[in-house]
Amino acid sequence: MKEINRLNDLFVRYLIGTESDGDILENIVNAVLNDAGFEYVGNLKIINPYNLAENENLKESIPPKVMLKQKLKMLKSTC
C-alpha cells in the first residue's frame, strides 16, 4: 500500500469530510479554539460539495447542482 501524505487536502477531506465525522471535526476545532483562548463551539455542520472516491484510482467529482450554482455565480459576476 502506498503511504498517503497526511498534509494533503484530500486526506483531510477524507478524514473529516463526511457527516459521520462530525465528532472528530468538532474535537479538532475546539482543541484549536481552546488553545487560542476562544470559546468552544458545537453542532458543526459539514457542507461538502465533493463526492470523495472510495478507491484511490477513481477521481473525485462535484455534484451537478453545485457545478450549476458555481457557473451561475460566474455568469452573474461577468455581467
PDB file of N, CA and C in Angstrom:
ATOM      1  N   MET A   1       0.840  -1.182   0.000  1.00  0.00           N
ATOM      2  CA  MET A   1       0.000   0.000   0.000  1.00  0.00           C
ATOM      3  C   MET A   1       0.886   1.247   0.000  1.00  0.00           C
ATOM      4  N   LYS A   2       0.488   2.221  -0.791  1.00  0.00           N
ATOM      5  CA  LYS A   2       1.225   3.474  -0.907  1.00  0.00           C
ATOM      6  C   LYS A   2       0.939   4.357   0.314  1.00  0.00           C
ATOM      7  N   GLU A   3       1.986   4.996   0.859  1.00  0.00           N
ATOM      8  CA  GLU A   3       1.796   5.891   2.001  1.00  0.00           C
ATOM      9  C   GLU A   3       1.146   7.188   1.533  1.00  0.00           C
ATOM     10  N   ILE A   4       0.212   7.693   2.327  1.00  0.00           N
ATOM     11  CA  ILE A   4      -0.521   8.907   1.993  1.00  0.00           C
ATOM     12  C   ILE A   4       0.057  10.076   2.781  1.00  0.00           C
ATOM     13  N   ASN A   5       0.277  11.177   2.101  1.00  0.00           N
ATOM     14  CA  ASN A   5       0.754  12.393   2.755  1.00  0.00           C
ATOM     15  C   ASN A   5      -0.383  12.965   3.600  1.00  0.00           C
ATOM     16  N   ARG A   6      -0.189  13.023   4.908  1.00  0.00           N
ATOM     17  CA  ARG A   6      -1.245  13.479   5.812  1.00  0.00           C
ATOM     18  C   ARG A   6      -1.505  14.976   5.713  1.00  0.00           C
ATOM     19  N   LEU A   7      -0.660  15.711   5.007  1.00  0.00           N
ATOM     20  CA  LEU A   7      -0.876  17.143   4.816  1.00  0.00           C
ATOM     21  C   LEU A   7      -1.683  17.428   3.550  1.00  0.00           C
ATOM     22  N   ASN A   8      -1.959  16.415   2.781  1.00  0.00           N
ATOM     23  CA  ASN A   8      -2.719  16.560   1.545  1.00  0.00           C
ATOM     24  C   ASN A   8      -4.164  16.914   1.866  1.00  0.00           C
ATOM     25  N   ASP A   9      -4.739  17.870   1.132  1.00  0.00           N
ATOM     26  CA  ASP A   9      -6.114  18.285   1.419  1.00  0.00           C
ATOM     27  C   ASP A   9      -7.111  17.166   1.176  1.00  0.00           C
ATOM     28  N   LEU A  10      -6.824  16.248   0.254  1.00  0.00           N
ATOM     29  CA  LEU A  10      -7.731  15.120   0.038  1.00  0.00           C
ATOM     30  C   LEU A  10      -7.773  14.214   1.261  1.00  0.00           C
ATOM     31  N   PHE A  11      -6.621  14.028   1.909  1.00  0.00           N
ATOM     32  CA  PHE A  11      -6.589  13.214   3.117  1.00  0.00           C
ATOM     33  C   PHE A  11      -7.430  13.862   4.214  1.00  0.00           C
ATOM     34  N   VAL A  12      -7.290  15.168   4.366  1.00  0.00           N
ATOM     35  CA  VAL A  12      -8.048  15.886   5.396  1.00  0.00           C
ATOM     36  C   VAL A  12      -9.541  15.793   5.104  1.00  0.00           C
ATOM     37  N   ARG A  13      -9.935  15.987   3.838  1.00  0.00           N
ATOM     38  CA  ARG A  13     -11.356  15.878   3.490  1.00  0.00           C
ATOM     39  C   ARG A  13     -11.869  14.466   3.726  1.00  0.00           C
ATOM     40  N   TYR A  14     -11.034  13.456   3.467  1.00  0.00           N
ATOM     41  CA  TYR A  14     -11.439  12.075   3.707  1.00  0.00           C
ATOM     42  C   TYR A  14     -11.582  11.821   5.205  1.00  0.00           C
ATOM     43  N   LEU A  15     -10.669  12.386   5.994  1.00  0.00           N
ATOM     44  CA  LEU A  15     -10.669  12.169   7.441  1.00  0.00           C
ATOM     45  C   LEU A  15     -11.849  12.839   8.128  1.00  0.00           C
ATOM     46  N   ILE A  16     -12.169  14.082   7.755  1.00  0.00           N
ATOM     47  CA  ILE A  16     -13.214  14.826   8.463  1.00  0.00           C
ATOM     48  C   ILE A  16     -14.241  15.437   7.522  1.00  0.00           C
ATOM     49  N   GLY A  17     -14.437  14.852   6.350  1.00  0.00           N
ATOM     50  CA  GLY A  17     -15.308  15.460   5.355  1.00  0.00           C
ATOM     51  C   GLY A  17     -16.684  14.867   5.199  1.00  0.00           C
ATOM     52  N   THR A  18     -17.109  13.995   6.109  1.00  0.00           N
ATOM     53  CA  THR A  18     -18.447  13.422   6.000  1.00  0.00           C
ATOM     54  C   THR A  18     -19.231  13.676   7.280  1.00  0.00           C
ATOM     55  N   GLU A  19     -20.536  13.576   7.178  1.00  0.00           N
ATOM     56  CA  GLU A  19     -21.411  13.814   8.341  1.00  0.00           C
ATOM     57  C   GLU A  19     -21.040  12.928   9.525  1.00  0.00           C
ATOM     58  N   SER A  20     -20.642  11.687   9.262  1.00  0.00           N
ATOM     59  CA  SER A  20     -20.327  10.771  10.361  1.00  0.00           C
ATOM     60  C   SER A  20     -19.047  11.165  11.098  1.00  0.00           C
ATOM     61  N   ASP A  21     -18.263  12.069  10.519  1.00  0.00           N
ATOM     62  CA  ASP A  21     -17.015  12.515  11.140  1.00  0.00           C
ATOM     63  C   ASP A  21     -17.177  13.815  11.916  1.00  0.00           C
ATOM     64  N   GLY A  22     -18.402  14.232  12.161  1.00  0.00           N
ATOM     65  CA  GLY A  22     -18.666  15.495  12.846  1.00  0.00           C
ATOM     66  C   GLY A  22     -18.034  15.588  14.218  1.00  0.00           C
ATOM     67  N   ASP A  23     -18.021  14.487  14.965  1.00  0.00           N
ATOM     68  CA  ASP A  23     -17.431  14.499  16.308  1.00  0.00           C
ATOM     69  C   ASP A  23     -15.926  14.745  16.253  1.00  0.00           C
ATOM     70  N   ILE A  24     -15.263  14.113  15.297  1.00  0.00           N
ATOM     71  CA  ILE A  24     -13.815  14.302  15.152  1.00  0.00           C
ATOM     72  C   ILE A  24     -13.516  15.757  14.806  1.00  0.00           C
ATOM     73  N   LEU A  25     -14.264  16.292  13.843  1.00  0.00           N
ATOM     74  CA  LEU A  25     -14.057  17.679  13.427  1.00  0.00           C
ATOM     75  C   LEU A  25     -14.307  18.635  14.584  1.00  0.00           C
ATOM     76  N   GLU A  26     -15.382  18.402  15.329  1.00  0.00           N
ATOM     77  CA  GLU A  26     -15.706  19.275  16.462  1.00  0.00           C
ATOM     78  C   GLU A  26     -14.590  19.243  17.506  1.00  0.00           C
ATOM     79  N   ASN A  27     -14.037  18.072  17.776  1.00  0.00           N
ATOM     80  CA  ASN A  27     -12.937  17.961  18.741  1.00  0.00           C
ATOM     81  C   ASN A  27     -11.694  18.712  18.266  1.00  0.00           C
ATOM     82  N   ILE A  28     -11.381  18.599  16.968  1.00  0.00           N
ATOM     83  CA  ILE A  28     -10.212  19.296  16.427  1.00  0.00           C
ATOM     84  C   ILE A  28     -10.412  20.811  16.503  1.00  0.00           C
ATOM     85  N   VAL A  29     -11.579  21.277  16.062  1.00  0.00           N
ATOM     86  CA  VAL A  29     -11.868  22.715  16.075  1.00  0.00           C
ATOM     87  C   VAL A  29     -11.819  23.254  17.498  1.00  0.00           C
ATOM     88  N   ASN A  30     -12.441  22.551  18.436  1.00  0.00           N
ATOM     89  CA  ASN A  30     -12.458  23.019  19.819  1.00  0.00           C
ATOM     90  C   ASN A  30     -11.073  22.990  20.462  1.00  0.00           C
ATOM     91  N   ALA A  31     -10.234  22.033  20.096  1.00  0.00           N
ATOM     92  CA  ALA A  31      -8.869  21.995  20.626  1.00  0.00           C
ATOM     93  C   ALA A  31      -8.080  23.216  20.157  1.00  0.00           C
ATOM     94  N   VAL A  32      -8.237  23.570  18.885  1.00  0.00           N
ATOM     95  CA  VAL A  32      -7.536  24.741  18.345  1.00  0.00           C
ATOM     96  C   VAL A  32      -8.074  26.021  18.983  1.00  0.00           C
ATOM     97  N   LEU A  33      -9.408  26.130  19.086  1.00  0.00           N
ATOM     98  CA  LEU A  33     -10.008  27.324  19.692  1.00  0.00           C
ATOM     99  C   LEU A  33      -9.603  27.473  21.150  1.00  0.00           C
ATOM    100  N   ASN A  34      -9.621  26.375  21.897  1.00  0.00           N
ATOM    101  CA  ASN A  34      -9.247  26.400  23.306  1.00  0.00           C
ATOM    102  C   ASN A  34      -7.788  26.832  23.462  1.00  0.00           C
ATOM    103  N   ASP A  35      -6.926  26.320  22.609  1.00  0.00           N
ATOM    104  CA  ASP A  35      -5.511  26.677  22.656  1.00  0.00           C
ATOM    105  C   ASP A  35      -5.295  28.164  22.379  1.00  0.00           C
ATOM    106  N   ALA A  36      -6.168  28.745  21.543  1.00  0.00           N
ATOM    107  CA  ALA A  36      -6.054  30.167  21.198  1.00  0.00           C
ATOM    108  C   ALA A  36      -6.831  31.061  22.160  1.00  0.00           C
ATOM    109  N   GLY A  37      -7.501  30.457  23.164  1.00  0.00           N
ATOM    110  CA  GLY A  37      -8.215  31.241  24.159  1.00  0.00           C
ATOM    111  C   GLY A  37      -9.642  31.605  23.789  1.00  0.00           C
ATOM    112  N   PHE A  38     -10.214  30.923  22.798  1.00  0.00           N
ATOM    113  CA  PHE A  38     -11.587  31.198  22.386  1.00  0.00           C
ATOM    114  C   PHE A  38     -12.550  30.201  23.019  1.00  0.00           C
ATOM    115  N   GLU A  39     -13.851  30.520  22.934  1.00  0.00           N
ATOM    116  CA  GLU A  39     -14.883  29.636  23.463  1.00  0.00           C
ATOM    117  C   GLU A  39     -15.079  28.425  22.559  1.00  0.00           C
ATOM    118  N   TYR A  40     -15.634  27.381  23.158  1.00  0.00           N
ATOM    119  CA  TYR A  40     -15.937  26.166  22.407  1.00  0.00           C
ATOM    120  C   TYR A  40     -17.128  26.392  21.484  1.00  0.00           C
ATOM    121  N   VAL A  41     -17.175  25.623  20.422  1.00  0.00           N
ATOM    122  CA  VAL A  41     -18.322  25.634  19.514  1.00  0.00           C
ATOM    123  C   VAL A  41     -18.933  24.239  19.507  1.00  0.00           C
ATOM    124  N   GLY A  42     -20.155  24.171  19.062  1.00  0.00           N
ATOM    125  CA  GLY A  42     -20.822  22.879  18.977  1.00  0.00           C
ATOM    126  C   GLY A  42     -21.753  22.834  17.791  1.00  0.00           C
ATOM    127  N   ASN A  43     -22.277  21.665  17.534  1.00  0.00           N
ATOM    128  CA  ASN A  43     -23.233  21.455  16.446  1.00  0.00           C
ATOM    129  C   ASN A  43     -22.696  21.939  15.104  1.00  0.00           C
ATOM    130  N   LEU A  44     -21.485  21.532  14.776  1.00  0.00           N
ATOM    131  CA  LEU A  44     -20.914  21.888  13.479  1.00  0.00           C
ATOM    132  C   LEU A  44     -21.633  21.119  12.381  1.00  0.00           C
ATOM    133  N   LYS A  45     -21.825  21.770  11.252  1.00  0.00           N
ATOM    134  CA  LYS A  45     -22.448  21.109  10.111  1.00  0.00           C
ATOM    135  C   LYS A  45     -21.422  21.043   8.991  1.00  0.00           C
ATOM    136  N   ILE A  46     -21.176  19.846   8.510  1.00  0.00           N
ATOM    137  CA  ILE A  46     -20.217  19.657   7.428  1.00  0.00           C
ATOM    138  C   ILE A  46     -20.947  19.821   6.105  1.00  0.00           C
ATOM    139  N   ILE A  47     -20.500  20.792   5.327  1.00  0.00           N
ATOM    140  CA  ILE A  47     -21.061  21.012   3.997  1.00  0.00           C
ATOM    141  C   ILE A  47     -19.963  20.651   3.013  1.00  0.00           C
ATOM    142  N   ASN A  48     -20.120  19.527   2.353  1.00  0.00           N
ATOM    143  CA  ASN A  48     -19.083  19.009   1.476  1.00  0.00           C
ATOM    144  C   ASN A  48     -19.618  18.868   0.059  1.00  0.00           C
ATOM    145  N   PRO A  49     -19.195  19.734  -0.859  1.00  0.00           N
ATOM    146  CA  PRO A  49     -19.694  19.643  -2.228  1.00  0.00           C
ATOM    147  C   PRO A  49     -19.001  18.573  -3.059  1.00  0.00           C
ATOM    148  N   TYR A  50     -18.067  17.840  -2.477  1.00  0.00           N
ATOM    149  CA  TYR A  50     -17.306  16.849  -3.231  1.00  0.00           C
ATOM    150  C   TYR A  50     -17.820  15.444  -2.969  1.00  0.00           C
ATOM    151  N   ASN A  51     -17.776  14.609  -3.987  1.00  0.00           N
ATOM    152  CA  ASN A  51     -18.017  13.179  -3.842  1.00  0.00           C
ATOM    153  C   ASN A  51     -16.648  12.528  -3.782  1.00  0.00           C
ATOM    154  N   LEU A  52     -16.213  12.163  -2.588  1.00  0.00           N
ATOM    155  CA  LEU A  52     -14.896  11.560  -2.457  1.00  0.00           C
ATOM    156  C   LEU A  52     -14.930  10.141  -2.999  1.00  0.00           C
ATOM    157  N   ALA A  53     -13.949   9.802  -3.798  1.00  0.00           N
ATOM    158  CA  ALA A  53     -13.875   8.471  -4.380  1.00  0.00           C
ATOM    159  C   ALA A  53     -13.542   7.455  -3.292  1.00  0.00           C
ATOM    160  N   GLU A  54     -14.152   6.296  -3.382  1.00  0.00           N
ATOM    161  CA  GLU A  54     -13.883   5.227  -2.421  1.00  0.00           C
ATOM    162  C   GLU A  54     -12.576   4.511  -2.767  1.00  0.00           C
ATOM    163  N   ASN A  55     -12.123   4.641  -3.998  1.00  0.00           N
ATOM    164  CA  ASN A  55     -10.948   3.950  -4.479  1.00  0.00           C
ATOM    165  C   ASN A  55      -9.929   4.992  -4.926  1.00  0.00           C
ATOM    166  N   GLU A  56      -8.656   4.792  -4.613  1.00  0.00           N
ATOM    167  CA  GLU A  56      -7.639   5.785  -4.968  1.00  0.00           C
ATOM    168  C   GLU A  56      -7.473   5.954  -6.473  1.00  0.00           C
ATOM    169  N   ASN A  57      -7.940   4.989  -7.265  1.00  0.00           N
ATOM    170  CA  ASN A  57      -7.810   5.075  -8.720  1.00  0.00           C
ATOM    171  C   ASN A  57      -8.940   5.872  -9.359  1.00  0.00           C
ATOM    172  N   LEU A  58      -9.980   6.170  -8.589  1.00  0.00           N
ATOM    173  CA  LEU A  58     -11.100   6.936  -9.112  1.00  0.00           C
ATOM    174  C   LEU A  58     -10.891   8.412  -8.819  1.00  0.00           C
ATOM    175  N   LYS A  59     -11.462   9.250  -9.643  1.00  0.00           N
ATOM    176  CA  LYS A  59     -11.364  10.693  -9.423  1.00  0.00           C
ATOM    177  C   LYS A  59     -12.561  11.162  -8.615  1.00  0.00           C
ATOM    178  N   GLU A  60     -12.361  12.212  -7.827  1.00  0.00           N
ATOM    179  CA  GLU A  60     -13.485  12.787  -7.103  1.00  0.00           C
ATOM    180  C   GLU A  60     -14.295  13.631  -8.073  1.00  0.00           C
ATOM    181  N   SER A  61     -15.517  13.887  -7.711  1.00  0.00           N
ATOM    182  CA  SER A  61     -16.367  14.691  -8.583  1.00  0.00           C
ATOM    183  C   SER A  61     -17.132  15.705  -7.752  1.00  0.00           C
ATOM    184  N   ILE A  62     -17.708  16.669  -8.437  1.00  0.00           N
ATOM    185  CA  ILE A  62     -18.563  17.658  -7.795  1.00  0.00           C
ATOM    186  C   ILE A  62     -19.965  17.433  -8.336  1.00  0.00           C
ATOM    187  N   PRO A  63     -20.971  17.289  -7.459  1.00  0.00           N
ATOM    188  CA  PRO A  63     -22.334  17.045  -7.930  1.00  0.00           C
ATOM    189  C   PRO A  63     -22.805  18.143  -8.881  1.00  0.00           C
ATOM    190  N   PRO A  64     -23.646  17.797  -9.861  1.00  0.00           N
ATOM    191  CA  PRO A  64     -24.111  18.762 -10.862  1.00  0.00           C
ATOM    192  C   PRO A  64     -24.759  20.010 -10.267  1.00  0.00           C
ATOM    193  N   LYS A  65     -25.497  19.867  -9.162  1.00  0.00           N
ATOM    194  CA  LYS A  65     -26.172  21.005  -8.543  1.00  0.00           C
ATOM    195  C   LYS A  65     -25.159  22.065  -8.097  1.00  0.00           C
ATOM    196  N   VAL A  66     -24.062  21.636  -7.522  1.00  0.00           N
ATOM    197  CA  VAL A  66     -23.019  22.554  -7.065  1.00  0.00           C
ATOM    198  C   VAL A  66     -22.349  23.211  -8.262  1.00  0.00           C
ATOM    199  N   MET A  67     -22.088  22.425  -9.303  1.00  0.00           N
ATOM    200  CA  MET A  67     -21.464  22.972 -10.517  1.00  0.00           C
ATOM    201  C   MET A  67     -22.347  24.043 -11.137  1.00  0.00           C
ATOM    202  N   LEU A  68     -23.651  23.801 -11.181  1.00  0.00           N
ATOM    203  CA  LEU A  68     -24.583  24.766 -11.764  1.00  0.00           C
ATOM    204  C   LEU A  68     -24.561  26.071 -10.970  1.00  0.00           C
ATOM    205  N   LYS A  69     -24.570  25.976  -9.643  1.00  0.00           N
ATOM    206  CA  LYS A  69     -24.518  27.176  -8.807  1.00  0.00           C
ATOM    207  C   LYS A  69     -23.236  27.963  -9.060  1.00  0.00           C
ATOM    208  N   GLN A  70     -22.113  27.260  -9.209  1.00  0.00           N
ATOM    209  CA  GLN A  70     -20.838  27.934  -9.456  1.00  0.00           C
ATOM    210  C   GLN A  70     -20.843  28.629 -10.813  1.00  0.00           C
ATOM    211  N   LYS A  71     -21.393  27.970 -11.832  1.00  0.00           N
ATOM    212  CA  LYS A  71     -21.447  28.571 -13.166  1.00  0.00           C
ATOM    213  C   LYS A  71     -22.354  29.798 -13.179  1.00  0.00           C
ATOM    214  N   LEU A  72     -23.498  29.720 -12.492  1.00  0.00           N
ATOM    215  CA  LEU A  72     -24.402  30.867 -12.423  1.00  0.00           C
ATOM    216  C   LEU A  72     -23.736  32.042 -11.712  1.00  0.00           C
ATOM    217  N   LYS A  73     -22.998  31.754 -10.666  1.00  0.00           N
ATOM    218  CA  LYS A  73     -22.292  32.797  -9.927  1.00  0.00           C
ATOM    219  C   LYS A  73     -21.248  33.471 -10.823  1.00  0.00           C
ATOM    220  N   MET A  74     -20.529  32.675 -11.626  1.00  0.00           N
ATOM    221  CA  MET A  74     -19.536  33.230 -12.538  1.00  0.00           C
ATOM    222  C   MET A  74     -20.196  34.095 -13.602  1.00  0.00           C
ATOM    223  N   LEU A  75     -21.335  33.638 -14.127  1.00  0.00           N
ATOM    224  CA  LEU A  75     -22.038  34.401 -15.152  1.00  0.00           C
ATOM    225  C   LEU A  75     -22.519  35.742 -14.607  1.00  0.00           C
ATOM    226  N   LYS A  76     -23.047  35.741 -13.386  1.00  0.00           N
ATOM    227  CA  LYS A  76     -23.533  36.983 -12.774  1.00  0.00           C
ATOM    228  C   LYS A  76     -22.391  37.972 -12.563  1.00  0.00           C
ATOM    229  N   SER A  77     -21.227  37.466 -12.202  1.00  0.00           N
ATOM    230  CA  SER A  77     -20.097  38.365 -11.931  1.00  0.00           C
ATOM    231  C   SER A  77     -19.525  38.975 -13.211  1.00  0.00           C
ATOM    232  N   THR A  78     -19.763  38.355 -14.358  1.00  0.00           N
ATOM    233  CA  THR A  78     -19.247  38.900 -15.617  1.00  0.00           C
ATOM    234  C   THR A  78     -20.207  39.884 -16.261  1.00  0.00           C
ATOM    235  N   CYS A  79     -21.451  39.925 -15.803  1.00  0.00           N
ATOM    236  CA  CYS A  79     -22.453  40.838 -16.390  1.00  0.00           C
ATOM    237  C   CYS A  79     -22.373  42.220 -15.794  1.00  0.00           C
TER     238      CYS A  79
END
